[in-house]
Amino acid sequence: MLAARFAEVVLPHLSDALSLARWLTGNAADAEDVVQEACLKAHAGIAGFAGGNPRAWLLAIVRNASYTWMARNRPRAVVAVGDLADLDDVSPPDSSDSPEAALIAKANSAAIEAAIARLPEAFRETLVLRDINGLSYREIAAMLGVPQGTVMSRLARARSLLMTDIGGRHHEPA
């Protein structure tokens, strides 16, 4: 019974869980450890899941497991972001098949990934939850324990910092 509920609630969202953990921990191997811990916690708490958005519920567990894992295994200043592959989901589709266009798109994705990595943690986390994981403002606010207005202002600030960072670097001499 619990296994079936776990399969219904948790398993469809494992890729989102892994993506969030990669962004928060900075690499795939650590993210896999975090998601494994999160799945154990989700399994232990599946009987208490009262419904609602199972994806938001699982991502909240992953977020908490990520910060617990990082506090145990890393100094706070080492936190980075996830893989370039995470940006493929949010990048516009490539309408050109030329190798040059693919190279430019890859360079742009790398620049965006690096700019996201430079964001302050609270802004990065909010940006990833909204723009990569697609959670609503309400879900993010509940997950982070902050008002929706704070989520909106953090997201606006994160996007503004990204635009400034990417725009500023775009105009730097080569």
N, C-alpha and C. Protein backbone atom coordinates (compact mmCIF):
# COMPACT_ATOMS: atom_id res chain seq x y z
N MET A 1 0.82 -1.20 0.00
CA MET A 1 0.00 0.00 0.00
C MET A 1 0.87 1.27 0.00
N LEU A 2 1.87 1.33 0.93
CA LEU A 2 2.75 2.49 0.96
C LEU A 2 3.63 2.55 -0.29
N ALA A 3 4.04 1.37 -0.76
CA ALA A 3 4.87 1.34 -1.97
C ALA A 3 4.10 1.88 -3.16
N ALA A 4 2.83 1.52 -3.27
CA ALA A 4 2.02 2.01 -4.38
C ALA A 4 1.81 3.52 -4.27
N ARG A 5 1.59 3.99 -3.06
CA ARG A 5 1.41 5.44 -2.85
C ARG A 5 2.70 6.19 -3.17
N PHE A 6 3.83 5.61 -2.73
CA PHE A 6 5.13 6.21 -3.03
C PHE A 6 5.34 6.27 -4.55
N ALA A 7 5.03 5.20 -5.23
CA ALA A 7 5.18 5.16 -6.69
C ALA A 7 4.29 6.19 -7.37
N GLU A 8 3.12 6.39 -6.82
CA GLU A 8 2.17 7.35 -7.40
C GLU A 8 2.57 8.80 -7.12
N VAL A 9 3.05 9.07 -5.92
CA VAL A 9 3.32 10.45 -5.50
C VAL A 9 4.73 10.90 -5.82
N VAL A 10 5.72 10.05 -5.61
CA VAL A 10 7.12 10.46 -5.68
C VAL A 10 7.78 10.15 -7.03
N LEU A 11 7.62 8.95 -7.51
CA LEU A 11 8.38 8.52 -8.68
C LEU A 11 8.19 9.39 -9.92
N PRO A 12 6.99 9.91 -10.20
CA PRO A 12 6.87 10.76 -11.40
C PRO A 12 7.69 12.04 -11.35
N HIS A 13 8.16 12.42 -10.16
CA HIS A 13 8.85 13.70 -10.02
C HIS A 13 10.33 13.55 -9.70
N LEU A 14 10.88 12.36 -9.90
CA LEU A 14 12.28 12.14 -9.56
C LEU A 14 13.24 12.98 -10.41
N SER A 15 12.92 13.19 -11.67
CA SER A 15 13.83 13.99 -12.50
C SER A 15 13.84 15.45 -12.03
N ASP A 16 12.70 15.97 -11.61
CA ASP A 16 12.66 17.33 -11.05
C ASP A 16 13.44 17.38 -9.74
N ALA A 17 13.30 16.34 -8.94
CA ALA A 17 14.03 16.28 -7.66
C ALA A 17 15.53 16.28 -7.92
N LEU A 18 15.96 15.49 -8.87
CA LEU A 18 17.39 15.42 -9.20
C LEU A 18 17.88 16.75 -9.76
N SER A 19 17.08 17.38 -10.58
CA SER A 19 17.46 18.68 -11.14
C SER A 19 17.63 19.72 -10.04
N LEU A 20 16.66 19.81 -9.13
CA LEU A 20 16.77 20.77 -8.04
C LEU A 20 17.99 20.48 -7.17
N ALA A 21 18.21 19.22 -6.86
CA ALA A 21 19.36 18.85 -6.02
C ALA A 21 20.67 19.20 -6.73
N ARG A 22 20.73 19.02 -8.03
CA ARG A 22 21.95 19.39 -8.79
C ARG A 22 22.20 20.89 -8.70
N TRP A 23 21.14 21.68 -8.84
CA TRP A 23 21.31 23.13 -8.76
C TRP A 23 21.74 23.56 -7.37
N LEU A 24 21.22 22.91 -6.37
CA LEU A 24 21.55 23.31 -5.01
C LEU A 24 22.91 22.80 -4.55
N THR A 25 23.27 21.58 -4.95
CA THR A 25 24.55 21.01 -4.50
C THR A 25 25.69 21.31 -5.46
N GLY A 26 25.39 21.49 -6.73
CA GLY A 26 26.42 21.83 -7.69
C GLY A 26 26.97 20.68 -8.50
N ASN A 27 26.59 19.46 -8.20
CA ASN A 27 27.06 18.36 -9.06
C ASN A 27 26.13 17.15 -8.97
N ALA A 28 26.23 16.32 -9.97
CA ALA A 28 25.30 15.19 -10.11
C ALA A 28 25.49 14.13 -9.04
N ALA A 29 26.73 13.85 -8.67
CA ALA A 29 26.98 12.79 -7.69
C ALA A 29 26.39 13.16 -6.33
N ASP A 30 26.63 14.39 -5.89
CA ASP A 30 26.06 14.84 -4.62
C ASP A 30 24.54 14.87 -4.70
N ALA A 31 24.03 15.29 -5.85
CA ALA A 31 22.58 15.37 -6.03
C ALA A 31 21.94 13.99 -5.91
N GLU A 32 22.61 12.98 -6.43
CA GLU A 32 22.07 11.62 -6.31
C GLU A 32 22.00 11.19 -4.85
N ASP A 33 23.04 11.53 -4.07
CA ASP A 33 23.01 11.22 -2.64
C ASP A 33 21.85 11.94 -1.95
N VAL A 34 21.69 13.22 -2.29
CA VAL A 34 20.62 14.01 -1.68
C VAL A 34 19.25 13.44 -2.04
N VAL A 35 19.05 13.11 -3.30
CA VAL A 35 17.75 12.59 -3.72
C VAL A 35 17.47 11.24 -3.07
N GLN A 36 18.52 10.45 -2.89
CA GLN A 36 18.33 9.17 -2.20
C GLN A 36 17.85 9.41 -0.76
N GLU A 37 18.49 10.34 -0.08
CA GLU A 37 18.05 10.68 1.28
C GLU A 37 16.63 11.24 1.27
N ALA A 38 16.36 12.09 0.31
CA ALA A 38 15.01 12.68 0.21
C ALA A 38 13.96 11.60 -0.04
N CYS A 39 14.28 10.63 -0.87
CA CYS A 39 13.33 9.55 -1.15
C CYS A 39 13.08 8.71 0.11
N LEU A 40 14.11 8.49 0.90
CA LEU A 40 13.92 7.75 2.15
C LEU A 40 12.99 8.53 3.08
N LYS A 41 13.20 9.85 3.14
CA LYS A 41 12.33 10.68 3.98
C LYS A 41 10.91 10.71 3.42
N ALA A 42 10.80 10.79 2.11
CA ALA A 42 9.46 10.81 1.49
C ALA A 42 8.74 9.48 1.76
N HIS A 43 9.48 8.39 1.65
CA HIS A 43 8.86 7.08 1.91
C HIS A 43 8.40 6.99 3.35
N ALA A 44 9.23 7.48 4.26
CA ALA A 44 8.86 7.45 5.68
C ALA A 44 7.66 8.33 5.97
N GLY A 45 7.50 9.40 5.20
CA GLY A 45 6.41 10.33 5.46
C GLY A 45 5.25 10.23 4.50
N ILE A 46 5.25 9.24 3.62
CA ILE A 46 4.22 9.17 2.58
C ILE A 46 2.82 9.01 3.18
N ALA A 47 2.71 8.35 4.32
CA ALA A 47 1.39 8.18 4.94
C ALA A 47 0.84 9.54 5.40
N GLY A 48 1.71 10.49 5.68
CA GLY A 48 1.28 11.80 6.13
C GLY A 48 1.03 12.78 5.00
N PHE A 49 1.32 12.40 3.77
CA PHE A 49 1.07 13.29 2.64
C PHE A 49 -0.44 13.47 2.49
N ALA A 50 -0.90 14.70 2.66
CA ALA A 50 -2.33 14.98 2.71
C ALA A 50 -2.92 15.37 1.37
N GLY A 51 -2.17 15.22 0.29
CA GLY A 51 -2.68 15.62 -1.01
C GLY A 51 -2.07 16.94 -1.42
N GLY A 52 -2.67 17.59 -2.38
CA GLY A 52 -2.09 18.83 -2.91
C GLY A 52 -1.14 18.50 -4.03
N ASN A 53 -0.13 19.31 -4.17
CA ASN A 53 0.83 19.14 -5.26
C ASN A 53 1.96 18.22 -4.81
N PRO A 54 1.99 16.98 -5.30
CA PRO A 54 3.03 16.05 -4.87
C PRO A 54 4.43 16.50 -5.30
N ARG A 55 4.51 17.20 -6.41
CA ARG A 55 5.81 17.69 -6.89
C ARG A 55 6.38 18.72 -5.92
N ALA A 56 5.54 19.66 -5.50
CA ALA A 56 5.99 20.67 -4.55
C ALA A 56 6.36 20.02 -3.21
N TRP A 57 5.60 19.02 -2.81
CA TRP A 57 5.90 18.31 -1.56
C TRP A 57 7.26 17.64 -1.65
N LEU A 58 7.51 16.92 -2.75
CA LEU A 58 8.79 16.24 -2.91
C LEU A 58 9.94 17.25 -3.01
N LEU A 59 9.75 18.33 -3.76
CA LEU A 59 10.83 19.31 -3.90
C LEU A 59 11.15 20.00 -2.58
N ALA A 60 10.15 20.16 -1.73
CA ALA A 60 10.43 20.72 -0.40
C ALA A 60 11.30 19.75 0.40
N ILE A 61 11.03 18.48 0.29
CA ILE A 61 11.86 17.47 0.98
C ILE A 61 13.27 17.48 0.40
N VAL A 62 13.37 17.57 -0.91
CA VAL A 62 14.69 17.60 -1.56
C VAL A 62 15.47 18.84 -1.14
N ARG A 63 14.79 19.98 -1.09
CA ARG A 63 15.44 21.22 -0.67
C ARG A 63 16.00 21.06 0.74
N ASN A 64 15.17 20.58 1.66
CA ASN A 64 15.63 20.40 3.03
C ASN A 64 16.77 19.38 3.12
N ALA A 65 16.64 18.30 2.37
CA ALA A 65 17.70 17.28 2.37
C ALA A 65 18.99 17.85 1.78
N SER A 66 18.87 18.72 0.78
CA SER A 66 20.06 19.33 0.17
C SER A 66 20.81 20.19 1.18
N TYR A 67 20.08 21.03 1.89
CA TYR A 67 20.74 21.91 2.86
C TYR A 67 21.29 21.12 4.05
N THR A 68 20.60 20.09 4.46
CA THR A 68 21.12 19.24 5.53
C THR A 68 22.40 18.56 5.07
N TRP A 69 22.37 18.04 3.86
CA TRP A 69 23.53 17.34 3.31
C TRP A 69 24.71 18.30 3.17
N MET A 70 24.45 19.50 2.66
CA MET A 70 25.55 20.46 2.46
C MET A 70 26.11 20.95 3.80
N ALA A 71 25.26 21.12 4.78
CA ALA A 71 25.74 21.55 6.10
C ALA A 71 26.65 20.48 6.71
N ARG A 72 26.35 19.24 6.44
CA ARG A 72 27.12 18.12 6.97
C ARG A 72 28.41 17.89 6.18
N ASN A 73 28.40 18.16 4.89
CA ASN A 73 29.51 17.75 4.02
C ASN A 73 30.34 18.87 3.41
N ARG A 74 29.89 20.10 3.51
CA ARG A 74 30.61 21.18 2.84
C ARG A 74 30.63 22.46 3.66
N PRO A 75 31.67 23.21 3.48
CA PRO A 75 31.61 24.57 4.01
C PRO A 75 30.58 25.36 3.21
N ARG A 76 29.94 26.32 3.81
CA ARG A 76 28.85 27.06 3.19
C ARG A 76 29.25 27.76 1.90
N ALA A 77 30.47 28.22 1.78
CA ALA A 77 30.88 29.00 0.62
C ALA A 77 31.06 28.17 -0.65
N VAL A 78 31.02 26.85 -0.56
CA VAL A 78 31.32 26.01 -1.72
C VAL A 78 30.10 25.69 -2.55
N VAL A 79 28.91 26.05 -2.11
CA VAL A 79 27.68 25.70 -2.83
C VAL A 79 27.71 26.28 -4.24
N ALA A 80 27.41 25.46 -5.21
CA ALA A 80 27.43 25.88 -6.62
C ALA A 80 26.09 25.56 -7.26
N VAL A 81 26.07 25.42 -8.56
CA VAL A 81 24.83 25.13 -9.28
C VAL A 81 24.94 23.83 -10.03
N GLY A 82 23.84 23.46 -10.69
CA GLY A 82 23.74 22.17 -11.35
C GLY A 82 24.37 22.12 -12.72
N ASP A 83 23.95 21.14 -13.47
CA ASP A 83 24.53 20.85 -14.76
C ASP A 83 23.96 21.72 -15.87
N LEU A 84 24.72 21.82 -16.90
CA LEU A 84 24.29 22.56 -18.07
C LEU A 84 23.03 21.94 -18.67
N ALA A 85 22.88 20.64 -18.51
CA ALA A 85 21.72 19.95 -19.08
C ALA A 85 20.41 20.48 -18.51
N ASP A 86 20.44 21.02 -17.28
CA ASP A 86 19.23 21.57 -16.69
C ASP A 86 18.70 22.75 -17.49
N LEU A 87 19.59 23.46 -18.13
CA LEU A 87 19.17 24.63 -18.89
C LEU A 87 18.53 24.26 -20.22
N ASP A 88 18.72 23.03 -20.67
CA ASP A 88 18.14 22.62 -21.93
C ASP A 88 16.62 22.70 -21.88
N ASP A 89 16.06 22.44 -20.69
CA ASP A 89 14.61 22.46 -20.56
C ASP A 89 14.04 23.86 -20.64
N VAL A 90 14.82 24.86 -20.28
CA VAL A 90 14.30 26.23 -20.29
C VAL A 90 14.80 27.03 -21.48
N SER A 91 15.72 26.49 -22.26
CA SER A 91 16.23 27.20 -23.41
C SER A 91 15.22 27.13 -24.54
N PRO A 92 15.15 28.16 -25.35
CA PRO A 92 14.25 28.10 -26.48
C PRO A 92 14.72 27.02 -27.45
N PRO A 93 13.79 26.42 -28.17
CA PRO A 93 14.19 25.38 -29.11
C PRO A 93 15.11 25.95 -30.19
N ASP A 94 16.06 25.15 -30.59
CA ASP A 94 17.01 25.55 -31.61
C ASP A 94 16.38 25.34 -32.97
N SER A 95 16.19 26.45 -33.69
CA SER A 95 15.52 26.35 -34.98
C SER A 95 16.50 26.13 -36.11
N SER A 96 17.77 26.14 -35.80
CA SER A 96 18.78 25.96 -36.83
C SER A 96 19.56 24.68 -36.56
N ASP A 97 19.95 24.04 -37.60
CA ASP A 97 20.71 22.81 -37.46
C ASP A 97 22.20 23.02 -37.69
N SER A 98 22.63 24.27 -37.91
CA SER A 98 24.03 24.49 -38.23
C SER A 98 24.91 24.30 -37.00
N PRO A 99 26.14 23.83 -37.20
CA PRO A 99 27.06 23.66 -36.08
C PRO A 99 27.38 24.98 -35.38
N GLU A 100 27.43 26.08 -36.16
CA GLU A 100 27.71 27.38 -35.56
C GLU A 100 26.59 27.79 -34.60
N ALA A 101 25.34 27.59 -35.03
CA ALA A 101 24.21 27.93 -34.17
C ALA A 101 24.21 27.08 -32.91
N ALA A 102 24.55 25.81 -33.05
CA ALA A 102 24.60 24.93 -31.89
C ALA A 102 25.70 25.37 -30.93
N LEU A 103 26.85 25.80 -31.47
CA LEU A 103 27.96 26.27 -30.64
C LEU A 103 27.57 27.55 -29.90
N ILE A 104 26.91 28.47 -30.59
CA ILE A 104 26.48 29.72 -29.96
C ILE A 104 25.46 29.42 -28.85
N ALA A 105 24.53 28.52 -29.14
CA ALA A 105 23.52 28.16 -28.13
C ALA A 105 24.18 27.55 -26.91
N LYS A 106 25.19 26.69 -27.13
CA LYS A 106 25.88 26.06 -26.02
C LYS A 106 26.65 27.10 -25.20
N ALA A 107 27.29 28.04 -25.88
CA ALA A 107 28.02 29.10 -25.19
C ALA A 107 27.07 29.96 -24.38
N ASN A 108 25.90 30.26 -24.95
CA ASN A 108 24.90 31.04 -24.22
C ASN A 108 24.41 30.29 -22.99
N SER A 109 24.17 28.98 -23.13
CA SER A 109 23.74 28.19 -21.98
C SER A 109 24.79 28.17 -20.89
N ALA A 110 26.05 28.06 -21.28
CA ALA A 110 27.14 28.07 -20.30
C ALA A 110 27.21 29.41 -19.59
N ALA A 111 27.01 30.50 -20.33
CA ALA A 111 27.03 31.83 -19.73
C ALA A 111 25.87 31.99 -18.74
N ILE A 112 24.71 31.48 -19.10
CA ILE A 112 23.56 31.56 -18.20
C ILE A 112 23.80 30.72 -16.95
N GLU A 113 24.34 29.52 -17.15
CA GLU A 113 24.63 28.65 -16.00
C GLU A 113 25.60 29.34 -15.05
N ALA A 114 26.65 29.95 -15.60
CA ALA A 114 27.63 30.62 -14.75
C ALA A 114 27.01 31.83 -14.05
N ALA A 115 26.15 32.55 -14.75
CA ALA A 115 25.50 33.71 -14.13
C ALA A 115 24.57 33.27 -13.00
N ILE A 116 23.86 32.17 -13.20
CA ILE A 116 23.01 31.65 -12.13
C ILE A 116 23.85 31.23 -10.94
N ALA A 117 25.01 30.64 -11.20
CA ALA A 117 25.90 30.21 -10.11
C ALA A 117 26.38 31.38 -9.27
N ARG A 118 26.48 32.55 -9.88
CA ARG A 118 26.96 33.73 -9.15
C ARG A 118 25.87 34.42 -8.34
N LEU A 119 24.61 34.05 -8.54
CA LEU A 119 23.52 34.68 -7.79
C LEU A 119 23.63 34.35 -6.31
N PRO A 120 23.24 35.28 -5.45
CA PRO A 120 23.15 34.94 -4.02
C PRO A 120 22.19 33.75 -3.84
N GLU A 121 22.45 32.94 -2.84
CA GLU A 121 21.73 31.69 -2.65
C GLU A 121 20.21 31.85 -2.66
N ALA A 122 19.68 32.83 -1.94
CA ALA A 122 18.22 32.99 -1.86
C ALA A 122 17.63 33.31 -3.23
N PHE A 123 18.32 34.12 -4.01
CA PHE A 123 17.83 34.46 -5.35
C PHE A 123 17.95 33.26 -6.28
N ARG A 124 19.09 32.55 -6.20
CA ARG A 124 19.31 31.39 -7.07
C ARG A 124 18.25 30.32 -6.80
N GLU A 125 18.01 30.06 -5.52
CA GLU A 125 17.04 29.04 -5.15
C GLU A 125 15.65 29.39 -5.68
N THR A 126 15.24 30.63 -5.52
CA THR A 126 13.93 31.06 -5.99
C THR A 126 13.84 30.97 -7.51
N LEU A 127 14.88 31.40 -8.19
CA LEU A 127 14.90 31.35 -9.65
C LEU A 127 14.80 29.91 -10.15
N VAL A 128 15.55 29.01 -9.54
CA VAL A 128 15.54 27.61 -9.97
C VAL A 128 14.16 26.99 -9.72
N LEU A 129 13.59 27.26 -8.55
CA LEU A 129 12.28 26.68 -8.23
C LEU A 129 11.20 27.19 -9.19
N ARG A 130 11.27 28.46 -9.57
CA ARG A 130 10.24 29.03 -10.45
C ARG A 130 10.53 28.76 -11.93
N ASP A 131 11.70 29.13 -12.39
CA ASP A 131 11.96 29.11 -13.83
C ASP A 131 12.45 27.77 -14.35
N ILE A 132 12.99 26.94 -13.51
CA ILE A 132 13.45 25.63 -13.97
C ILE A 132 12.49 24.54 -13.52
N ASN A 133 12.07 24.58 -12.25
CA ASN A 133 11.16 23.55 -11.76
C ASN A 133 9.69 23.91 -11.99
N GLY A 134 9.40 25.16 -12.30
CA GLY A 134 8.03 25.55 -12.66
C GLY A 134 7.04 25.60 -11.51
N LEU A 135 7.51 25.76 -10.29
CA LEU A 135 6.58 25.86 -9.16
C LEU A 135 5.91 27.23 -9.17
N SER A 136 4.72 27.28 -8.58
CA SER A 136 4.00 28.55 -8.49
C SER A 136 4.60 29.39 -7.37
N TYR A 137 4.24 30.67 -7.37
CA TYR A 137 4.70 31.56 -6.29
C TYR A 137 4.23 31.03 -4.94
N ARG A 138 2.99 30.57 -4.90
CA ARG A 138 2.43 30.06 -3.65
C ARG A 138 3.20 28.83 -3.17
N GLU A 139 3.52 27.92 -4.07
CA GLU A 139 4.26 26.72 -3.69
C GLU A 139 5.67 27.07 -3.19
N ILE A 140 6.30 28.01 -3.87
CA ILE A 140 7.65 28.41 -3.46
C ILE A 140 7.59 29.10 -2.09
N ALA A 141 6.61 29.96 -1.91
CA ALA A 141 6.46 30.66 -0.63
C ALA A 141 6.27 29.66 0.51
N ALA A 142 5.43 28.67 0.28
CA ALA A 142 5.20 27.65 1.32
C ALA A 142 6.47 26.86 1.59
N MET A 143 7.19 26.51 0.53
CA MET A 143 8.41 25.73 0.67
C MET A 143 9.49 26.50 1.44
N LEU A 144 9.62 27.78 1.13
CA LEU A 144 10.69 28.57 1.73
C LEU A 144 10.27 29.22 3.05
N GLY A 145 8.97 29.20 3.33
CA GLY A 145 8.48 29.82 4.56
C GLY A 145 8.55 31.34 4.53
N VAL A 146 8.30 31.91 3.35
CA VAL A 146 8.33 33.37 3.20
C VAL A 146 7.03 33.79 2.51
N PRO A 147 6.65 35.07 2.62
CA PRO A 147 5.45 35.55 1.90
C PRO A 147 5.64 35.49 0.38
N GLN A 148 4.51 35.43 -0.34
CA GLN A 148 4.58 35.39 -1.81
C GLN A 148 5.26 36.64 -2.36
N GLY A 149 5.06 37.77 -1.69
CA GLY A 149 5.70 39.01 -2.14
C GLY A 149 7.22 38.89 -2.09
N THR A 150 7.72 38.19 -1.11
CA THR A 150 9.17 37.97 -1.02
C THR A 150 9.64 37.10 -2.17
N VAL A 151 8.86 36.08 -2.50
CA VAL A 151 9.21 35.23 -3.65
C VAL A 151 9.26 36.07 -4.91
N MET A 152 8.24 36.91 -5.08
CA MET A 152 8.19 37.73 -6.29
C MET A 152 9.36 38.71 -6.35
N SER A 153 9.68 39.31 -5.21
CA SER A 153 10.79 40.28 -5.23
C SER A 153 12.13 39.57 -5.43
N ARG A 154 12.30 38.40 -4.82
CA ARG A 154 13.55 37.65 -5.03
C ARG A 154 13.69 37.23 -6.49
N LEU A 155 12.58 36.81 -7.08
CA LEU A 155 12.62 36.39 -8.48
C LEU A 155 12.94 37.57 -9.40
N ALA A 156 12.30 38.70 -9.13
CA ALA A 156 12.58 39.90 -9.95
C ALA A 156 14.03 40.32 -9.79
N ARG A 157 14.52 40.28 -8.58
CA ARG A 157 15.92 40.66 -8.32
C ARG A 157 16.88 39.67 -8.99
N ALA A 158 16.56 38.38 -8.91
CA ALA A 158 17.42 37.37 -9.54
C ALA A 158 17.46 37.57 -11.05
N ARG A 159 16.30 37.81 -11.65
CA ARG A 159 16.27 38.02 -13.10
C ARG A 159 17.02 39.29 -13.49
N SER A 160 16.86 40.33 -12.67
CA SER A 160 17.57 41.58 -12.95
C SER A 160 19.09 41.38 -12.85
N LEU A 161 19.52 40.68 -11.82
CA LEU A 161 20.96 40.40 -11.68
C LEU A 161 21.48 39.57 -12.85
N LEU A 162 20.67 38.61 -13.29
CA LEU A 162 21.08 37.79 -14.44
C LEU A 162 21.22 38.65 -15.70
N MET A 163 20.23 39.49 -15.92
CA MET A 163 20.28 40.35 -17.10
C MET A 163 21.50 41.26 -17.06
N THR A 164 21.77 41.84 -15.90
CA THR A 164 22.92 42.71 -15.76
C THR A 164 24.21 41.93 -15.97
N ASP A 165 24.28 40.75 -15.35
CA ASP A 165 25.49 39.94 -15.46
C ASP A 165 25.73 39.49 -16.90
N ILE A 166 24.72 38.94 -17.52
CA ILE A 166 24.87 38.44 -18.88
C ILE A 166 25.07 39.59 -19.85
N GLY A 167 24.32 40.65 -19.68
CA GLY A 167 24.46 41.82 -20.55
C GLY A 167 25.82 42.46 -20.40
N GLY A 168 26.29 42.58 -19.14
CA GLY A 168 27.60 43.17 -18.89
C GLY A 168 28.73 42.35 -19.47
N ARG A 169 28.62 41.06 -19.35
CA ARG A 169 29.67 40.18 -19.89
C ARG A 169 29.62 40.13 -21.40
N HIS A 170 28.39 40.30 -21.93
CA HIS A 170 28.24 40.26 -23.38
C HIS A 170 28.99 41.41 -24.04
N HIS A 171 29.10 42.54 -23.31
CA HIS A 171 29.75 43.72 -23.89
C HIS A 171 31.22 43.84 -23.53
N GLU A 172 31.74 42.88 -22.75
CA GLU A 172 33.16 42.92 -22.40
C GLU A 172 34.01 42.60 -23.62
N PRO A 173 35.18 43.22 -23.73
CA PRO A 173 36.05 42.87 -24.86
C PRO A 173 36.56 41.44 -24.72
N ALA A 174 36.76 40.81 -25.85
CA ALA A 174 37.20 39.41 -25.84
C ALA A 174 38.66 39.25 -25.52
